Amino acid sequence: MKIQSISVARVAIVIVLVALLRTISEILRLAYVHGVPPDWTIIKAYLIGSTLWVIGCMVMIIAYFMGKYKSVSIIGIITIAGLIFYKLIYL
């Protein structure tokens, strides 16, 4: 059975959206664990990461609707790699 590129594109979009949700909810987790709201420097780092996720999601969804299914997977990989790079440098 051959995996179709449209199926891979759909899975990639879902993975990136779930990761976006996890990134945004991390701020709430930090407030719960520490008992106080995190300061602005911590929130800013997560908001920048969330903004990068949103940009990646937008580009992936636009590529999906244009029928560029293989590009969606490539953009997803680039988005995840970019955010791992961002995390290693700034967090």
Protein backbone atom coordinates (compact mmCIF):
# COMPACT_ATOMS: atom_id res chain seq x y z
CA MET A 1 0.00 0.00 0.00
CA LYS A 2 1.45 3.33 -1.08
CA ILE A 3 1.15 6.29 1.25
CA GLN A 4 -0.44 9.20 -0.58
CA SER A 5 1.03 12.66 -0.19
CA ILE A 6 -2.39 14.12 0.69
CA SER A 7 -2.60 11.82 3.72
CA VAL A 8 0.88 12.81 4.85
CA ALA A 9 -0.07 16.49 4.42
CA ARG A 10 -3.17 16.06 6.57
CA VAL A 11 -1.20 14.31 9.32
CA ALA A 12 1.52 16.99 9.20
CA ILE A 13 -1.04 19.77 9.63
CA VAL A 14 -2.64 17.99 12.60
CA ILE A 15 0.75 17.41 14.26
CA VAL A 16 1.71 21.07 13.91
CA LEU A 17 -1.65 22.24 15.27
CA VAL A 18 -1.38 19.90 18.28
CA ALA A 19 2.14 21.19 18.93
CA LEU A 20 0.80 24.76 18.75
CA LEU A 21 -1.82 23.94 21.35
CA ARG A 22 0.84 22.41 23.58
CA THR A 23 3.08 25.47 23.22
CA ILE A 24 0.28 27.86 24.17
CA SER A 25 -0.85 25.71 27.10
CA GLU A 26 2.71 25.59 28.47
CA ILE A 27 2.21 29.08 29.92
CA LEU A 28 -0.78 27.81 31.91
CA ARG A 29 1.21 24.78 33.08
CA LEU A 30 4.01 27.01 34.34
CA ALA A 31 1.50 29.09 36.31
CA TYR A 32 -0.01 25.92 37.81
CA VAL A 33 3.32 24.34 38.78
CA HIS A 34 4.86 27.46 40.31
CA GLY A 35 1.66 28.81 41.84
CA VAL A 36 2.20 32.29 40.46
CA PRO A 37 1.90 33.62 36.93
CA PRO A 38 5.23 33.52 35.10
CA ASP A 39 6.95 36.82 34.43
CA TRP A 40 6.97 38.58 31.07
CA THR A 41 10.34 37.20 29.90
CA ILE A 42 9.08 33.63 30.16
CA ILE A 43 5.73 34.44 28.56
CA LYS A 44 7.47 36.34 25.75
CA ALA A 45 9.61 33.32 24.85
CA TYR A 46 6.54 31.08 24.56
CA LEU A 47 4.60 33.70 22.61
CA ILE A 48 7.40 34.00 20.08
CA GLY A 49 7.41 30.22 19.70
CA SER A 50 3.62 30.23 19.29
CA THR A 51 3.87 32.93 16.65
CA LEU A 52 6.38 30.83 14.72
CA TRP A 53 3.99 27.86 14.93
CA VAL A 54 1.10 29.97 13.65
CA ILE A 55 3.14 31.19 10.69
CA GLY A 56 4.14 27.61 9.90
CA CYS A 57 0.52 26.46 10.17
CA MET A 58 -0.71 29.24 7.91
CA VAL A 59 1.87 28.44 5.23
CA MET A 60 1.08 24.72 5.47
CA ILE A 61 -2.66 25.26 5.16
CA ILE A 62 -2.22 27.63 2.21
CA ALA A 63 0.01 25.07 0.49
CA TYR A 64 -2.56 22.36 1.24
CA PHE A 65 -5.39 24.30 -0.38
CA MET A 66 -3.18 25.01 -3.40
CA GLY A 67 -2.68 21.26 -3.81
CA LYS A 68 1.03 21.27 -2.93
CA TYR A 69 0.82 18.25 -0.64
CA LYS A 70 4.51 17.36 -0.64
CA SER A 71 5.33 20.98 0.20
CA VAL A 72 3.11 20.73 3.27
CA SER A 73 5.25 17.93 4.68
CA ILE A 74 8.45 19.80 3.92
CA ILE A 75 7.13 23.00 5.52
CA GLY A 76 6.08 20.98 8.59
CA ILE A 77 9.56 19.53 8.96
CA ILE A 78 11.13 22.98 8.52
CA THR A 79 8.73 24.46 11.10
CA ILE A 80 9.51 21.79 13.68
CA ALA A 81 13.27 22.04 13.05
CA GLY A 82 13.10 25.83 13.34
CA LEU A 83 11.28 25.64 16.65
CA ILE A 84 13.69 23.08 18.05
CA PHE A 85 16.50 25.44 17.03
CA TYR A 86 14.65 28.36 18.68
CA LYS A 87 14.17 26.34 21.88
CA LEU A 88 17.83 25.32 22.05
CA ILE A 89 19.00 28.91 21.64
CA TYR A 90 16.45 30.95 23.62
CA LEU A 91 14.98 28.67 26.27
